[in-house]
Structures are given as structure tokens and as C-alpha cells.
Amino acid sequence: MFVRSYKITEPKRFEIFVEDIYSEDILVRPENLAICKADIRYYLGNRDINVLKRKFPMSLIHEGTGVVVRDNSGKMKPGQKVVMLPCIKAECDGTKCLTCVRDDENLLDNYCPESRFRSSNYDGFSKEMINTQSEYLVEIPDSIGEEAVFSELISVGCCAMRRAGLWDKKEKKIAVWGDGIMGYIISLVAKYGVGADVSVVGISPEKLAKIDFADTYFVNDIDSMPNITVAIEAVGGNASASAVNQAIDKLCSGGKIVLCGVSNDNAPINTRMVLEHGLTLMGTTRSVRCDFEKAIELLQIPEFRERILRLVDGIDVVDNINKYYKAFDEASKSQSLGKRIIKLVF
């Protein structure tokens, strides 16, 4: 079956590809997509040139929902709306690593070096049609609309809570550094998923004002913020070091720092205080199926869903390559807390 796709071939250059896909599996038509910062880095060429050469050409975008077109197995009905999972299991036999992480409930396929991830080392969802298996699709209930496109980001927050062991713990004072979309969503997951008292530290008055479900603090004025047991860094970039060091100062002895922000540069941290207070640092990224299932559960909570809907800045029908370019140009310049959703039409 021949389908069309948009692929990036060099920074700021997309081309239309026509490719043959196998049709024995489930056919899904991508419908609603969202551009993330990783996509923008590829689009602008903000990665090492050798890395880009290895990855291009590649279809971008790993945040998306779609509609089932056909399933020969009968597991899913045509017309069913689904979240499309970007992490694809490794095809290895589990013997390439000293210890296979896929058997570790805390890590799973997300941390397997042989796994593939869409729009990173495998084609993303900017396609007319994708073929996949049922394990990479999560059904969307009728009560959830276009906000389901944020399921991937929500699942990343769920993964952070799961890996930090917070779902079943009684650590209810959590502080999140970062007032961007990732910090906003992680804070929502901590509030409605874990039931925590949440504090958010940021720099933007406009963005902090939208976080009306948590206590908020400006980054240069956190003296009044109470001590915490868990800190989540969702800042990334050059400011991640400052965020981590502030978190170290605010953590109680035996506390935990969960690193979620992406920084391309090494971040100097106050290891002396980490040692003195017996703190734990852990990194977490992306997600797997159980995290997406949890995300869909959370989206069925009215208050949670209403606050996710605030992130929808609008919906743009993208039915040609010029509009696809425009979507990436606008996303790369946006300072908004939310995102514009791409409604993909070929």
C-alpha cells in the first residue's frame, strides 16, 4: 500500500515521500498531532551535524492520535480513535546487554538501547497512514476529544511518578521546577494522580498565573516555600543546573530529585549537599504503554481534562506541505504555555 509522508531531509527542508507500507497489521490514519521541542531542534538543525546526517530523512512528530482504518485481526473496529504510542520494542533477543532492562518493571522497553522511538531514530507520525500493532495503540473513550493529543506528555509525567515510586507512596509534598508545558503537566499528574500538595517554581508571571491548582513561586523568591520530600526538575536547557541546586537546598534529608528536563550541556550541581543530606537523583524520560493507559485514566477526570484543554491554543488543518512548514515555523517561535494542534489531512 502506497502512502505519502512529510520527511525532513535537512534543517528547514521538508519533502513529500511516497512509500510502500505493509498492510497485514492495523492501519491507522494519523489525525491530531502536536509538535514538541525535540521536533523543533531537528527542524532548526540544533543538533550535532553528524547526528542529523544519521537521522535524516525522517518523518517528525511523536505526539499524536489517529483513527483505525482497518484491523484484519478484528481487535479494533474501523473508526475507533486511538492514541499512537511512539516507543517500539526492540527486536533483539535480550542478550546484547549485560542485564536486559525490558524485564525490569521500573525500566521496561523505554530504556532498552535497542528500542526505537518515533521522530528520534524511527519515522514519526507525519504520514498519510501508519501500520502498527494493537500494543502500540490505546483506545480513546468518547468522553475525550482533541485534548487526547497531550496523552504523550501526560504519560511522560506518569512515567516520572512511576519510576520515582510515587503512585503508592505517602510522599505528598512535591515541588516542580519549570513553568513550561512539561512542568504544568507534571504538576497536574502530581496533583490529580498522586494526590500531592504541589508547589511550582517558575519565571513567567503569565504562565504561573495559569497554574491555579498549585502553590506557585518565582525562581528568585522561594524563601517562603516549605521544605519538600520530592523535587521534579522540568526546566531543561542552561537553567537546569540552577533549578537542581535550588531543589537540593529545599529538600529534606533523604529526599529525591527527579530529572525530567533535557539539557545539552553538563550541569554543575552541589554534590556536597547531596551527600550531606543523603539525597537521591534519578533521571526519567519518555514512557511506555502502562503510562499511556494511566494518562487516559487521568483525562477522564473532569478537572484534570479541563486544565489540559487550556493547553489547546487552536487547531490548524494542515493539508499541504506549505501549511506543514508554517506549523513548524510558528511552533519554533511560540512562547505560549500551550500548543496549536495539527489536524493532518493528505
Protein backbone atom coordinates (compact mmCIF):
# COMPACT_ATOMS: atom_id res chain seq x y z
CA MET A 1 0.00 0.00 0.00
CA PHE A 2 1.46 3.33 -1.05
CA VAL A 3 1.16 6.29 1.34
CA ARG A 4 2.50 9.83 1.44
CA SER A 5 4.53 11.36 4.25
CA TYR A 6 6.38 14.55 5.14
CA LYS A 7 10.05 13.96 5.91
CA ILE A 8 12.76 16.34 6.99
CA THR A 9 15.81 15.93 4.74
CA GLU A 10 17.92 18.78 6.14
CA PRO A 11 17.27 21.65 8.56
CA LYS A 12 14.24 23.68 7.48
CA ARG A 13 13.59 21.44 4.49
CA PHE A 14 10.68 19.02 4.19
CA GLU A 15 9.93 16.80 1.24
CA ILE A 16 6.96 14.63 0.32
CA PHE A 17 7.84 10.93 0.20
CA VAL A 18 5.77 8.10 -1.24
CA GLU A 19 6.46 4.75 0.35
CA ASP A 20 5.03 1.25 0.45
CA ILE A 21 3.86 0.03 3.83
CA TYR A 22 2.86 -3.46 4.86
CA SER A 23 -0.85 -3.78 5.43
CA GLU A 24 -1.11 -7.03 7.41
CA ASP A 25 -1.15 -5.09 10.68
CA ILE A 26 -3.56 -2.44 11.91
CA LEU A 27 -3.84 0.56 9.61
CA VAL A 28 -4.24 3.88 11.40
CA ARG A 29 -4.74 7.32 9.87
CA PRO A 30 -2.92 9.95 11.98
CA GLU A 31 -5.37 12.74 12.76
CA ASN A 32 -4.28 15.16 15.51
CA LEU A 33 -0.58 15.86 16.04
CA ALA A 34 1.46 18.16 18.27
CA ILE A 35 4.98 19.46 17.71
CA CYS A 36 7.43 19.15 20.59
CA LYS A 37 10.76 20.81 21.30
CA ALA A 38 12.67 17.78 20.05
CA ASP A 39 10.94 18.15 16.66
CA ILE A 40 11.85 21.83 16.62
CA ARG A 41 15.51 21.04 17.33
CA TYR A 42 15.58 18.83 14.24
CA TYR A 43 13.74 21.43 12.19
CA LEU A 44 16.14 24.23 13.18
CA GLY A 45 19.21 21.98 12.98
CA ASN A 46 20.06 22.46 16.67
CA ARG A 47 21.81 19.14 16.93
CA ASP A 48 25.30 18.00 16.01
CA ILE A 49 25.58 17.85 12.23
CA ASN A 50 26.78 14.24 12.34
CA VAL A 51 23.73 13.26 14.38
CA LEU A 52 21.44 14.95 11.87
CA LYS A 53 23.09 13.20 8.93
CA ARG A 54 22.43 9.82 10.57
CA LYS A 55 18.77 10.60 11.21
CA PHE A 56 17.66 12.34 8.02
CA PRO A 57 15.43 11.77 6.09
CA MET A 58 12.84 11.14 8.81
CA SER A 59 9.18 11.88 9.47
CA LEU A 60 8.80 14.03 12.57
CA ILE A 61 6.26 14.20 15.44
CA HIS A 62 5.72 11.58 18.13
CA GLU A 63 2.69 13.13 19.88
CA GLY A 64 -0.43 12.05 18.08
CA THR A 65 -3.84 10.45 17.90
CA GLY A 66 -5.38 8.66 14.98
CA VAL A 67 -8.34 6.72 13.65
CA VAL A 68 -8.30 2.99 12.94
CA VAL A 69 -8.92 2.33 9.24
CA ARG A 70 -8.62 -1.44 9.18
CA ASP A 71 -7.71 -4.26 11.53
CA ASN A 72 -7.66 -7.70 9.96
CA SER A 73 -7.42 -9.32 13.40
CA GLY A 74 -10.75 -7.84 14.47
CA LYS A 75 -9.34 -6.46 17.73
CA MET A 76 -10.23 -2.90 16.82
CA LYS A 77 -13.15 -1.53 14.84
CA PRO A 78 -12.77 0.94 11.98
CA GLY A 79 -13.39 4.47 13.18
CA GLN A 80 -12.03 3.83 16.68
CA LYS A 81 -9.98 6.80 17.89
CA VAL A 82 -6.64 5.85 19.40
CA VAL A 83 -3.51 7.30 20.92
CA MET A 84 -0.47 6.18 18.94
CA LEU A 85 2.48 5.07 21.08
CA PRO A 86 5.91 6.21 19.88
CA CYS A 87 8.16 3.69 21.69
CA ILE A 88 8.64 0.48 19.68
CA LYS A 89 10.04 -2.63 21.32
CA ALA A 90 13.48 -3.93 20.45
CA GLU A 91 13.76 -6.81 18.03
CA CYS A 92 16.81 -8.24 19.83
CA ASP A 93 16.77 -11.48 21.81
CA GLY A 94 17.68 -9.81 25.10
CA THR A 95 21.30 -10.97 25.10
CA LYS A 96 23.05 -7.81 23.83
CA CYS A 97 23.12 -6.16 27.25
CA LEU A 98 24.63 -7.43 30.49
CA THR A 99 21.15 -7.21 32.02
CA CYS A 100 18.03 -6.92 29.88
CA VAL A 101 16.17 -3.84 31.09
CA ARG A 102 12.94 -4.99 29.42
CA ASP A 103 12.48 -7.40 32.33
CA ASP A 104 12.84 -4.60 34.88
CA GLU A 105 9.37 -3.24 35.82
CA ASN A 106 10.97 0.09 36.64
CA LEU A 107 12.61 0.49 33.22
CA LEU A 108 10.88 -1.61 30.54
CA ASP A 109 11.31 -1.05 26.79
CA ASN A 110 11.69 2.70 27.15
CA TYR A 111 15.26 2.24 28.39
CA CYS A 112 16.30 -0.60 26.11
CA PRO A 113 19.14 0.68 23.88
CA GLU A 114 17.75 -1.38 21.01
CA SER A 115 14.24 0.09 21.19
CA ARG A 116 13.11 2.60 18.60
CA PHE A 117 11.33 5.89 19.21
CA ARG A 118 9.33 7.71 16.60
CA SER A 119 10.75 11.01 15.33
CA SER A 120 14.06 10.18 17.01
CA ASN A 121 15.55 7.04 15.46
CA TYR A 122 12.43 5.94 13.59
CA ASP A 123 9.79 7.64 11.45
CA GLY A 124 7.24 9.74 13.32
CA PHE A 125 3.54 10.22 12.65
CA SER A 126 3.63 12.79 9.82
CA LYS A 127 2.19 10.22 7.43
CA GLU A 128 -0.97 9.57 5.49
CA MET A 129 -1.22 6.16 7.13
CA ILE A 130 0.81 4.03 9.53
CA ASN A 131 0.78 0.29 10.04
CA THR A 132 1.22 -0.86 13.62
CA GLN A 133 0.14 -3.44 16.18
CA SER A 134 -2.53 -3.21 18.88
CA GLU A 135 0.09 -3.00 21.64
CA TYR A 136 1.09 0.42 20.26
CA LEU A 137 -2.45 1.80 20.35
CA VAL A 138 -4.58 2.87 23.32
CA GLU A 139 -8.29 3.43 22.73
CA ILE A 140 -9.68 6.89 23.43
CA PRO A 141 -13.08 6.98 25.19
CA ASP A 142 -15.81 9.08 23.58
CA SER A 143 -15.67 11.49 26.54
CA ILE A 144 -12.20 12.68 25.47
CA GLY A 145 -11.72 14.95 22.45
CA GLU A 146 -8.76 16.62 20.79
CA GLU A 147 -7.06 17.03 24.19
CA ALA A 148 -6.05 13.37 23.86
CA VAL A 149 -3.14 14.59 21.73
CA PHE A 150 -1.48 15.59 25.02
CA SER A 151 -1.52 11.95 26.18
CA GLU A 152 2.15 11.52 25.31
CA LEU A 153 3.22 14.43 27.51
CA ILE A 154 0.89 13.26 30.28
CA SER A 155 2.36 9.76 30.00
CA VAL A 156 5.85 11.21 30.48
CA GLY A 157 4.63 12.71 33.76
CA CYS A 158 3.08 9.36 34.69
CA CYS A 159 6.38 7.64 33.92
CA ALA A 160 8.20 10.08 36.21
CA MET A 161 5.79 9.29 39.06
CA ARG A 162 6.02 5.56 38.43
CA ARG A 163 9.81 5.45 38.28
CA ALA A 164 10.12 7.64 41.36
CA GLY A 165 7.82 5.22 43.20
CA LEU A 166 5.23 7.90 43.97
CA TRP A 167 1.97 6.23 42.96
CA ASP A 168 1.75 4.16 46.12
CA LYS A 169 3.86 6.26 48.48
CA LYS A 170 2.78 8.79 51.08
CA GLU A 171 5.21 11.48 49.98
CA LYS A 172 2.66 14.19 49.38
CA LYS A 173 4.75 17.36 49.21
CA ILE A 174 6.13 17.65 45.69
CA ALA A 175 7.73 20.70 44.11
CA VAL A 176 8.14 21.10 40.36
CA TRP A 177 10.73 23.43 38.86
CA GLY A 178 9.56 24.67 35.46
CA ASP A 179 6.55 26.69 34.33
CA GLY A 180 6.51 25.42 30.74
CA ILE A 181 4.13 22.83 29.36
CA MET A 182 6.07 19.89 30.82
CA GLY A 183 6.16 21.44 34.28
CA TYR A 184 2.44 22.26 34.01
CA ILE A 185 1.50 18.71 33.04
CA ILE A 186 3.78 17.01 35.58
CA SER A 187 2.25 19.23 38.26
CA LEU A 188 -1.24 18.17 37.15
CA VAL A 189 -0.23 14.49 37.33
CA ALA A 190 1.20 15.02 40.82
CA LYS A 191 -1.99 16.80 41.93
CA TYR A 192 -4.66 14.55 40.43
CA GLY A 193 -2.75 11.30 40.04
CA VAL A 194 -0.72 11.17 43.23
CA GLY A 195 -2.91 13.48 45.33
CA ALA A 196 0.07 15.60 46.37
CA ASP A 197 0.31 19.13 47.66
CA VAL A 198 2.15 20.69 44.73
CA SER A 199 4.41 23.74 44.53
CA VAL A 200 5.61 25.09 41.19
CA VAL A 201 8.68 27.29 40.71
CA GLY A 202 8.98 29.39 37.56
CA ILE A 203 9.94 32.70 35.99
CA SER A 204 6.90 33.75 33.95
CA PRO A 205 4.08 35.63 35.74
CA GLU A 206 1.68 34.80 32.90
CA LYS A 207 2.41 31.07 32.97
CA LEU A 208 2.45 30.79 36.75
CA ALA A 209 -0.92 32.55 36.87
CA LYS A 210 -2.39 29.69 34.81
CA ILE A 211 -1.24 27.13 37.38
CA ASP A 212 -4.18 27.76 39.68
CA PHE A 213 -4.21 24.25 41.09
CA ALA A 214 -0.88 24.56 42.95
CA ASP A 215 1.13 26.97 45.06
CA THR A 216 3.44 28.98 42.83
CA TYR A 217 6.75 30.72 43.49
CA PHE A 218 9.08 32.87 41.43
CA VAL A 219 12.51 31.35 41.00
CA ASN A 220 14.19 34.29 42.78
CA ASP A 221 11.78 34.23 45.72
CA ILE A 222 11.40 30.76 47.16
CA ASP A 223 12.36 31.51 50.76
CA SER A 224 8.75 31.07 51.86
CA MET A 225 8.35 27.75 50.08
CA PRO A 226 8.16 24.87 52.58
CA ASN A 227 10.70 22.08 52.58
CA ILE A 228 9.79 19.13 50.40
CA THR A 229 10.44 15.41 50.06
CA VAL A 230 10.38 15.19 46.26
CA ALA A 231 11.58 17.72 43.68
CA ILE A 232 10.98 17.37 39.95
CA GLU A 233 13.18 19.32 37.55
CA ALA A 234 11.30 20.10 34.33
CA VAL A 235 13.30 23.12 33.22
CA GLY A 236 15.96 21.74 30.92
CA GLY A 237 18.45 23.81 28.95
CA ASN A 238 21.02 26.04 30.61
CA ALA A 239 18.75 26.78 33.58
CA SER A 240 18.56 23.16 34.72
CA ALA A 241 21.64 23.47 36.95
CA SER A 242 20.14 26.39 38.86
CA ALA A 243 16.87 24.51 39.27
CA VAL A 244 18.57 21.38 40.58
CA ASN A 245 20.67 23.32 43.06
CA GLN A 246 17.62 25.17 44.37
CA ALA A 247 15.86 21.84 44.77
CA ILE A 248 18.82 20.45 46.70
CA ASP A 249 18.55 23.36 49.13
CA LYS A 250 14.82 22.80 49.67
CA LEU A 251 14.82 19.02 50.07
CA CYS A 252 14.52 17.31 53.41
CA SER A 253 17.17 14.74 54.31
CA GLY A 254 16.62 11.58 52.32
CA GLY A 255 14.69 13.48 49.64
CA LYS A 256 14.57 12.71 45.96
CA ILE A 257 15.23 14.75 42.82
CA VAL A 258 13.65 13.53 39.58
CA LEU A 259 15.32 14.95 36.47
CA CYS A 260 12.93 15.38 33.53
CA GLY A 261 14.35 18.38 31.66
CA VAL A 262 16.67 17.94 28.70
CA SER A 263 19.97 19.82 28.76
CA ASN A 264 22.63 19.54 26.08
CA ASP A 265 25.35 20.91 28.37
CA ASN A 266 26.75 19.44 31.56
CA ALA A 267 25.07 20.87 34.65
CA PRO A 268 27.24 21.59 37.74
CA ILE A 269 25.42 20.60 40.91
CA ASN A 270 26.13 20.91 44.62
CA THR A 271 27.22 17.33 45.29
CA ARG A 272 28.37 18.24 48.82
CA MET A 273 24.78 18.89 49.89
CA VAL A 274 23.58 15.81 48.03
CA LEU A 275 25.97 13.78 50.18
CA GLU A 276 25.26 15.60 53.43
CA HIS A 277 21.51 15.14 53.14
CA GLY A 278 21.53 11.68 51.59
CA LEU A 279 19.60 12.79 48.54
CA THR A 280 18.74 10.62 45.56
CA LEU A 281 18.95 11.84 41.96
CA MET A 282 17.27 9.91 39.19
CA GLY A 283 16.61 10.56 35.53
CA THR A 284 13.42 9.71 33.71
CA THR A 285 12.25 10.30 30.16
CA ARG A 286 9.58 9.22 27.73
CA SER A 287 7.12 6.46 28.62
CA VAL A 288 5.62 3.08 27.78
CA ARG A 289 2.14 1.61 27.40
CA CYS A 290 1.21 1.44 31.11
CA ASP A 291 1.97 5.17 31.37
CA PHE A 292 -0.30 5.96 28.41
CA GLU A 293 -3.08 3.92 29.97
CA LYS A 294 -2.69 5.94 33.16
CA ALA A 295 -2.77 9.14 31.10
CA ILE A 296 -6.11 8.17 29.57
CA GLU A 297 -7.44 7.40 33.06
CA LEU A 298 -6.43 10.87 34.23
CA LEU A 299 -8.03 12.51 31.19
CA GLN A 300 -11.36 11.07 32.31
CA ILE A 301 -11.20 13.19 35.48
CA PRO A 302 -13.22 16.33 34.59
CA GLU A 303 -10.99 18.80 36.49
CA PHE A 304 -7.84 17.29 35.00
CA ARG A 305 -9.24 17.30 31.47
CA GLU A 306 -10.45 20.89 31.77
CA ARG A 307 -6.95 22.04 32.71
CA ILE A 308 -5.41 20.08 29.83
CA LEU A 309 -7.89 21.72 27.45
CA ARG A 310 -6.37 25.07 28.43
CA LEU A 311 -3.25 23.98 26.57
CA VAL A 312 -5.07 23.84 23.22
CA ASP A 313 -4.18 27.14 21.54
CA GLY A 314 -6.12 26.25 18.43
CA ILE A 315 -6.43 23.65 15.68
CA ASP A 316 -4.84 24.10 12.26
CA VAL A 317 -5.88 21.96 9.30
CA VAL A 318 -2.64 21.02 7.53
CA ASP A 319 -3.48 19.69 4.08
CA ASN A 320 -0.35 20.66 2.15
CA ILE A 321 3.37 21.00 2.69
CA ASN A 322 3.28 24.81 2.87
CA LYS A 323 0.94 24.64 5.87
CA TYR A 324 3.21 21.99 7.38
CA TYR A 325 6.14 24.42 7.10
CA LYS A 326 4.02 27.15 8.65
CA ALA A 327 3.12 24.93 11.60
CA PHE A 328 6.80 24.32 12.37
CA ASP A 329 7.74 27.97 11.89
CA GLU A 330 5.05 29.10 14.33
CA ALA A 331 5.88 26.38 16.86
CA SER A 332 9.58 27.33 16.80
CA LYS A 333 8.70 30.95 17.67
CA SER A 334 5.90 30.34 20.16
CA GLN A 335 6.25 31.45 23.77
CA SER A 336 2.82 30.12 24.73
CA LEU A 337 2.28 27.64 27.52
CA GLY A 338 0.11 25.55 25.20
CA LYS A 339 0.29 24.27 21.65
CA ARG A 340 -1.60 24.52 18.40
CA ILE A 341 -2.82 21.13 17.24
CA ILE A 342 -2.16 19.97 13.71
CA LYS A 343 -5.13 18.27 12.07
CA LEU A 344 -3.32 16.29 9.38
CA VAL A 345 -5.07 15.83 6.05
CA PHE A 346 -3.48 14.26 2.96
